[in-house]
Amino acid sequence: LATRGTNALDIALADQDFLSANRLNGSPETLDQLRRELYQTLNRRTIRSPNDLVALAGDMARLAQHRVGVSQSVVVLEFVTAAAGGLDDYSSYLTADQLRDVYSQIEGNFVGLGVELKADQGALLIVHVIPSSPAETAGIQKGDRIVAVDGKSTADLSTDEAAAMLTGEEGTWVQVTLFSPGQEQRLVSVNREHVEVPSLEDVKIVDVEYGVAYIRLPAFQKSTSRDLESALWDLHRQGMKSLVLDLRGNPGGLLTAAV
């Protein structure tokens, strides 16, 4: 864990985005020297307990602050995030915004535009538009790319930063610049609203003759098992003999609902 945390600091101090975001005032030579000192600090220590790990992170934070003026909390956060990922295959550190997103997914509601995004060459690709959401009302479609949010290019923002700009207080507006291949860019204003995420989508019989039914599960929410049971009984009454459960793009969610 100590090695993972130190490696993360080493990578961060060589990353231009990290340096710019934290306004580090050290020269390249000073930064290189700091990176060497971090490993020297690690190699001089014997880590036998969690307290030893905490002490190491604190010493590295004070060293980095003294050398290049970076906040100690920033250093500790980088260290802890990497160390947490080394606990096991399932552990990771979540920021407050990331934790909020997880709970929004589990509860099936949030305030925002109602889109699912992924990074795509400096833009945010719309991979799904939630039915009846503000985004659908504004004409945003799957396959559109958000290239700017409130006039700020997504190429100059991290994915998390750009996505965070889309959220906000209910009733407020956000302007997104959209681009689709073969079309001109268009500016769209979207009202942030309370969005209910359906636990099931496209519940239907796709082949009446053979009784093939289809259900898409976008995520595992609190209501998924209840809604799925109700949908299955309804499809059974319609003559369902076989079922396709579409989990493509499902990021997971509540374990009890998935089981």
Protein backbone atom coordinates (compact mmCIF):
# COMPACT_ATOMS: atom_id res chain seq x y z
CA LEU A 1 0.00 0.00 0.00
CA ALA A 2 2.87 2.36 0.81
CA THR A 3 4.49 1.62 -2.54
CA ARG A 4 1.22 2.17 -4.42
CA GLY A 5 0.69 5.50 -2.68
CA THR A 6 4.23 6.64 -3.44
CA ASN A 7 3.94 5.57 -7.07
CA ALA A 8 0.74 7.61 -7.39
CA LEU A 9 2.49 10.72 -6.07
CA ASP A 10 5.37 10.12 -8.48
CA ILE A 11 2.94 9.94 -11.42
CA ALA A 12 0.98 13.00 -10.25
CA LEU A 13 4.11 15.14 -9.97
CA ALA A 14 4.93 14.33 -13.59
CA ASP A 15 1.39 15.06 -14.82
CA GLN A 16 0.86 18.53 -16.27
CA ASP A 17 -2.85 18.59 -15.40
CA PHE A 18 -2.06 17.86 -11.75
CA LEU A 19 0.64 20.53 -11.68
CA SER A 20 -1.63 23.15 -13.28
CA ALA A 21 -4.65 22.34 -11.13
CA ASN A 22 -2.62 22.74 -7.94
CA ARG A 23 -0.53 25.69 -9.19
CA LEU A 24 2.74 24.08 -8.20
CA ASN A 25 5.63 26.53 -8.22
CA GLY A 26 8.55 24.13 -8.45
CA SER A 27 10.95 23.95 -11.39
CA PRO A 28 11.28 20.66 -13.31
CA GLU A 29 14.52 20.03 -11.44
CA THR A 30 12.83 20.65 -8.08
CA LEU A 31 9.95 18.32 -8.98
CA ASP A 32 12.37 15.59 -10.04
CA GLN A 33 14.29 15.99 -6.79
CA LEU A 34 11.04 15.78 -4.80
CA ARG A 35 10.05 12.57 -6.59
CA ARG A 36 13.41 11.03 -5.68
CA GLU A 37 13.05 12.15 -2.07
CA LEU A 38 9.62 10.53 -1.83
CA TYR A 39 11.11 7.15 -2.76
CA GLN A 40 14.02 7.72 -0.39
CA THR A 41 11.52 8.40 2.39
CA LEU A 42 9.67 5.19 1.52
CA ASN A 43 12.85 3.09 1.45
CA ARG A 44 13.98 4.36 4.83
CA ARG A 45 10.75 3.30 6.53
CA THR A 46 9.50 -0.04 7.76
CA ILE A 47 5.73 -0.29 7.51
CA ARG A 48 4.33 -2.72 10.08
CA SER A 49 0.95 -1.21 10.90
CA PRO A 50 -1.73 1.20 9.65
CA ASN A 51 -0.25 3.84 11.95
CA ASP A 52 3.09 3.51 10.16
CA LEU A 53 1.31 4.03 6.83
CA VAL A 54 -0.48 7.12 8.13
CA ALA A 55 2.79 8.54 9.43
CA LEU A 56 4.47 7.94 6.06
CA ALA A 57 1.68 9.70 4.16
CA GLY A 58 1.89 12.64 6.56
CA ASP A 59 5.65 12.96 6.20
CA MET A 60 5.39 12.87 2.42
CA ALA A 61 2.67 15.52 2.49
CA ARG A 62 4.78 17.85 4.61
CA LEU A 63 7.82 17.24 2.40
CA ALA A 64 5.88 18.04 -0.78
CA GLN A 65 4.38 21.17 0.75
CA HIS A 66 7.83 22.38 1.82
CA ARG A 67 9.45 21.67 -1.56
CA VAL A 68 6.81 22.84 -4.05
CA GLY A 69 4.00 24.42 -2.02
CA VAL A 70 1.35 21.79 -2.71
CA SER A 71 -1.44 21.40 -0.16
CA GLN A 72 -0.90 18.53 2.27
CA SER A 73 -4.51 17.39 1.81
CA VAL A 74 -3.95 17.03 -1.95
CA VAL A 75 -0.90 14.82 -1.37
CA VAL A 76 -2.69 12.67 1.20
CA LEU A 77 -5.69 12.27 -1.11
CA GLU A 78 -3.49 11.06 -3.98
CA PHE A 79 -1.72 8.67 -1.64
CA VAL A 80 -4.89 7.27 -0.05
CA THR A 81 -6.72 6.88 -3.37
CA ALA A 82 -3.96 4.68 -4.76
CA ALA A 83 -3.44 2.76 -1.52
CA ALA A 84 -7.16 1.97 -1.20
CA GLY A 85 -7.12 0.44 -4.65
CA GLY A 86 -4.50 -2.03 -3.45
CA LEU A 87 -6.54 -3.47 -0.57
CA ASP A 88 -8.23 -6.03 -2.83
CA ASP A 89 -9.83 -6.36 -6.24
CA TYR A 90 -13.04 -4.67 -5.10
CA SER A 91 -11.92 -1.70 -3.00
CA SER A 92 -11.51 1.83 -4.27
CA TYR A 93 -11.61 5.33 -2.88
CA LEU A 94 -14.58 7.48 -3.91
CA THR A 95 -14.66 11.25 -3.82
CA ALA A 96 -17.78 12.96 -2.51
CA ASP A 97 -19.05 13.49 -6.08
CA GLN A 98 -18.39 9.87 -7.02
CA LEU A 99 -20.18 8.62 -3.90
CA ARG A 100 -23.15 10.83 -4.71
CA ASP A 101 -23.28 9.32 -8.19
CA VAL A 102 -23.29 5.80 -6.73
CA TYR A 103 -26.19 6.60 -4.40
CA SER A 104 -28.07 8.29 -7.23
CA GLN A 105 -27.71 5.12 -9.27
CA ILE A 106 -28.94 2.92 -6.40
CA GLU A 107 -31.86 5.19 -5.51
CA GLY A 108 -32.74 5.68 -9.17
CA ASN A 109 -33.08 9.45 -9.02
CA PHE A 110 -30.92 12.56 -9.27
CA VAL A 111 -30.97 16.18 -10.38
CA GLY A 112 -29.46 16.74 -13.80
CA LEU A 113 -30.03 16.28 -17.51
CA GLY A 114 -30.77 12.57 -17.68
CA VAL A 115 -27.94 11.28 -19.87
CA GLU A 116 -25.30 8.58 -19.62
CA LEU A 117 -21.85 9.70 -20.81
CA LYS A 118 -18.43 8.40 -21.63
CA ALA A 119 -15.23 10.19 -22.60
CA ASP A 120 -14.53 10.22 -26.32
CA GLN A 121 -11.55 12.08 -27.80
CA GLY A 122 -11.92 15.23 -25.72
CA ALA A 123 -15.73 15.19 -25.83
CA LEU A 124 -18.52 13.55 -23.83
CA LEU A 125 -20.33 10.96 -25.92
CA ILE A 126 -24.04 10.52 -25.13
CA VAL A 127 -24.49 6.75 -24.85
CA HIS A 128 -28.03 6.84 -23.48
CA VAL A 129 -30.80 9.39 -22.96
CA ILE A 130 -33.25 8.57 -20.16
CA PRO A 131 -36.85 8.61 -21.41
CA SER A 132 -38.86 11.74 -20.43
CA SER A 133 -35.70 13.41 -19.10
CA PRO A 134 -34.78 17.10 -19.60
CA ALA A 135 -32.19 15.99 -22.16
CA GLU A 136 -34.81 14.17 -24.24
CA THR A 137 -37.13 17.19 -24.01
CA ALA A 138 -34.29 19.43 -25.26
CA GLY A 139 -33.68 17.20 -28.28
CA ILE A 140 -30.42 15.61 -27.14
CA GLN A 141 -29.96 12.19 -28.73
CA LYS A 142 -27.84 9.11 -28.29
CA GLY A 143 -24.66 9.54 -30.34
CA ASP A 144 -24.43 13.31 -29.81
CA ARG A 145 -21.15 14.60 -28.42
CA ILE A 146 -20.95 17.38 -25.85
CA VAL A 147 -17.94 19.51 -26.81
CA ALA A 148 -18.54 22.44 -24.43
CA VAL A 149 -20.45 23.13 -21.22
CA ASP A 150 -21.43 26.73 -20.48
CA GLY A 151 -18.87 27.83 -23.05
CA LYS A 152 -15.99 25.78 -21.61
CA SER A 153 -14.49 23.24 -23.99
CA THR A 154 -14.62 19.67 -22.70
CA ALA A 155 -11.15 19.20 -24.20
CA ASP A 156 -9.82 21.45 -21.41
CA LEU A 157 -11.70 19.59 -18.66
CA SER A 158 -11.42 16.14 -17.15
CA THR A 159 -14.40 13.85 -17.66
CA ASP A 160 -15.39 14.22 -14.00
CA GLU A 161 -15.11 18.03 -14.18
CA ALA A 162 -17.26 18.24 -17.31
CA ALA A 163 -19.85 15.83 -15.92
CA ALA A 164 -19.98 17.79 -12.65
CA MET A 165 -20.78 20.98 -14.58
CA LEU A 166 -23.90 19.29 -15.95
CA THR A 167 -25.30 18.79 -12.46
CA GLY A 168 -26.54 21.56 -10.20
CA GLU A 169 -29.54 22.93 -8.37
CA GLU A 170 -32.95 21.87 -9.60
CA GLY A 171 -34.49 24.51 -11.84
CA THR A 172 -31.18 25.97 -13.03
CA TRP A 173 -30.09 25.97 -16.66
CA VAL A 174 -26.95 24.75 -18.39
CA GLN A 175 -25.85 25.37 -21.97
CA VAL A 176 -24.25 22.48 -23.84
CA THR A 177 -22.64 22.62 -27.27
CA LEU A 178 -23.41 19.46 -29.20
CA PHE A 179 -21.78 17.92 -32.23
CA SER A 180 -22.92 15.00 -34.36
CA PRO A 181 -21.01 13.64 -37.37
CA GLY A 182 -22.21 15.26 -40.58
CA GLN A 183 -23.98 18.09 -38.76
CA GLU A 184 -23.08 21.57 -37.58
CA GLN A 185 -22.53 22.21 -33.90
CA ARG A 186 -25.65 23.32 -32.05
CA LEU A 187 -26.13 25.12 -28.74
CA VAL A 188 -28.83 23.72 -26.47
CA SER A 189 -30.08 25.06 -23.14
CA VAL A 190 -31.29 22.38 -20.74
CA ASN A 191 -33.16 22.87 -17.47
CA ARG A 192 -31.78 20.73 -14.67
CA GLU A 193 -34.63 18.74 -13.18
CA HIS A 194 -35.29 15.85 -10.85
CA VAL A 195 -34.85 12.74 -13.02
CA GLU A 196 -36.34 9.37 -12.19
CA VAL A 197 -34.25 6.58 -13.66
CA PRO A 198 -36.44 3.62 -14.69
CA SER A 199 -35.18 0.34 -13.29
CA LEU A 200 -36.35 -1.45 -16.47
CA GLU A 201 -36.57 -0.32 -20.08
CA ASP A 202 -38.13 -1.69 -23.27
CA VAL A 203 -40.23 -4.37 -21.60
CA LYS A 204 -41.92 -6.12 -24.54
CA ILE A 205 -42.60 -9.24 -26.56
CA VAL A 206 -40.27 -9.09 -29.56
CA ASP A 207 -41.46 -12.28 -31.24
CA VAL A 208 -45.11 -13.18 -30.69
CA GLU A 209 -44.93 -16.49 -32.58
CA TYR A 210 -42.09 -17.89 -30.46
CA GLY A 211 -42.96 -15.98 -27.30
CA VAL A 212 -39.58 -14.23 -27.03
CA ALA A 213 -39.61 -11.38 -24.50
CA TYR A 214 -37.05 -8.62 -23.98
CA ILE A 215 -36.11 -6.48 -20.97
CA ARG A 216 -33.23 -4.02 -20.65
CA LEU A 217 -31.76 -3.51 -17.16
CA PRO A 218 -29.81 -0.23 -17.19
CA ALA A 219 -28.66 -0.63 -13.55
CA PHE A 220 -29.44 -2.57 -10.38
CA GLN A 221 -31.50 -0.21 -8.21
CA LYS A 222 -33.54 -0.67 -5.04
CA SER A 223 -36.71 -1.22 -7.05
CA THR A 224 -35.21 -3.51 -9.72
CA SER A 225 -36.25 -6.87 -8.21
CA ARG A 226 -39.80 -5.68 -7.51
CA ASP A 227 -40.23 -4.14 -10.94
CA LEU A 228 -38.70 -7.16 -12.67
CA GLU A 229 -41.07 -9.56 -10.93
CA SER A 230 -44.05 -7.45 -11.98
CA ALA A 231 -42.78 -7.26 -15.57
CA LEU A 232 -42.22 -11.02 -15.75
CA TRP A 233 -45.79 -11.75 -14.66
CA ASP A 234 -47.08 -9.30 -17.24
CA LEU A 235 -44.97 -10.85 -20.00
CA HIS A 236 -46.07 -14.33 -18.89
CA ARG A 237 -49.68 -13.31 -19.38
CA GLN A 238 -48.73 -12.11 -22.88
CA GLY A 239 -47.37 -15.57 -23.77
CA MET A 240 -43.68 -15.29 -22.88
CA LYS A 241 -41.79 -18.57 -23.41
CA SER A 242 -38.22 -17.25 -23.37
CA LEU A 243 -36.58 -14.05 -22.19
CA VAL A 244 -33.67 -11.87 -23.24
CA LEU A 245 -32.22 -9.82 -20.35
CA ASP A 246 -30.12 -7.02 -21.85
CA LEU A 247 -27.35 -5.97 -19.46
CA ARG A 248 -25.23 -4.08 -21.99
CA GLY A 249 -23.95 -0.86 -20.46
CA ASN A 250 -25.16 -1.84 -16.99
CA PRO A 251 -22.52 -0.51 -14.57
CA GLY A 252 -23.77 -2.55 -11.61
CA GLY A 253 -25.38 -1.04 -8.54
CA LEU A 254 -27.02 -2.67 -5.54
CA LEU A 255 -25.74 -6.22 -4.97
CA THR A 256 -28.96 -7.46 -3.35
CA ALA A 257 -30.94 -6.30 -6.38
CA ALA A 258 -28.54 -8.03 -8.78
CA VAL A 259 -28.78 -11.33 -6.88
